[in-house]
Amino acid sequence: MRFAYALALRAFEVSTGLEEGPVDQGRAERFARMLLMPGEEFVAVAGESDAELAERFGVPIEQVPLRRAELRSPAHGLEPPLD
């Protein structure tokens, strides 16, 4: 449920002009992952299984490997830009 709310928050922010850009599923999911699985908190417990992390952060299990990949990007330690 938290993930769905975060998706809706992204859509709201774009539709009201608080944030720029189109509302699309990929961008909204990335926003939700960044919001619900903050980089520093995620890295601190990254040794846990995907199922454990999904439960810990209250996200769908399929979002955990995507967050792992984002945090392995060249900008590790920094939240990747949405664009």
Protein backbone atom coordinates (compact mmCIF):
# COMPACT_ATOMS: atom_id res chain seq x y z
CA MET A 1 0.00 0.00 0.00
CA ARG A 2 2.84 2.39 0.83
CA PHE A 3 4.29 1.93 -2.64
CA ALA A 4 0.96 2.79 -4.28
CA TYR A 5 0.72 5.92 -2.14
CA ALA A 6 4.22 6.98 -3.18
CA LEU A 7 3.28 6.49 -6.85
CA ALA A 8 0.22 8.66 -6.31
CA LEU A 9 2.32 11.31 -4.55
CA ARG A 10 4.61 11.56 -7.58
CA ALA A 11 1.61 11.92 -9.90
CA PHE A 12 0.14 14.61 -7.62
CA GLU A 13 3.40 16.57 -7.49
CA VAL A 14 3.72 16.58 -11.27
CA SER A 15 0.06 17.33 -11.96
CA THR A 16 0.03 20.28 -9.55
CA GLY A 17 3.30 21.71 -10.90
CA LEU A 18 5.33 21.06 -7.75
CA GLU A 19 7.69 18.90 -9.82
CA GLU A 20 8.52 19.01 -13.51
CA GLY A 21 8.30 16.23 -16.02
CA PRO A 22 5.82 13.79 -17.36
CA VAL A 23 4.09 11.31 -15.13
CA ASP A 24 5.10 7.87 -16.30
CA GLN A 25 5.21 4.56 -14.50
CA GLY A 26 8.99 4.15 -14.58
CA ARG A 27 9.71 7.58 -13.14
CA ALA A 28 6.99 7.18 -10.53
CA GLU A 29 8.38 3.80 -9.43
CA ARG A 30 11.88 5.20 -9.17
CA PHE A 31 10.59 8.11 -7.09
CA ALA A 32 8.78 5.65 -4.81
CA ARG A 33 11.90 3.50 -4.37
CA MET A 34 13.98 6.55 -3.47
CA LEU A 35 11.34 7.75 -1.02
CA LEU A 36 10.61 4.44 0.67
CA MET A 37 14.09 2.86 0.56
CA PRO A 38 16.50 5.74 1.30
CA GLY A 39 20.00 4.96 0.09
CA GLU A 40 21.85 5.12 3.41
CA GLU A 41 19.22 3.07 5.24
CA PHE A 42 19.09 0.50 2.45
CA VAL A 43 22.85 0.08 2.23
CA ALA A 44 23.05 -0.44 5.99
CA VAL A 45 20.86 -3.57 5.74
CA ALA A 46 21.59 -4.62 2.14
CA GLY A 47 22.84 -8.04 3.27
CA GLU A 48 19.29 -9.09 4.06
CA SER A 49 17.28 -11.10 1.54
CA ASP A 50 14.95 -9.39 -0.90
CA ALA A 51 11.97 -10.69 1.07
CA GLU A 52 13.35 -9.30 4.34
CA LEU A 53 14.08 -5.93 2.75
CA ALA A 54 10.63 -5.77 1.15
CA GLU A 55 9.05 -6.37 4.55
CA ARG A 56 11.38 -3.94 6.33
CA PHE A 57 10.67 -1.09 3.90
CA GLY A 58 7.05 -1.98 3.13
CA VAL A 59 7.53 -2.31 -0.63
CA PRO A 60 6.71 -4.96 -3.21
CA ILE A 61 9.47 -7.56 -3.38
CA GLU A 62 10.08 -6.92 -7.09
CA GLN A 63 11.19 -3.36 -6.27
CA VAL A 64 14.10 -4.47 -4.06
CA PRO A 65 16.44 -5.72 -6.85
CA LEU A 66 15.73 -2.53 -8.79
CA ARG A 67 16.79 -0.45 -5.78
CA ARG A 68 19.93 -2.58 -5.39
CA ALA A 69 20.80 -1.86 -9.04
CA GLU A 70 20.20 1.88 -8.62
CA LEU A 71 22.54 2.00 -5.65
CA ARG A 72 25.23 0.10 -7.57
CA SER A 73 25.25 2.82 -10.23
CA PRO A 74 28.37 5.00 -10.70
CA ALA A 75 26.84 7.65 -8.43
CA HIS A 76 26.73 5.20 -5.47
CA GLY A 77 26.07 7.04 -2.26
CA LEU A 78 24.04 9.67 -4.03
CA GLU A 79 20.41 9.41 -5.03
CA PRO A 80 20.29 9.08 -8.81
CA PRO A 81 18.54 11.93 -10.61
CA LEU A 82 15.03 11.27 -11.88
CA ASP A 83 15.88 12.50 -15.38
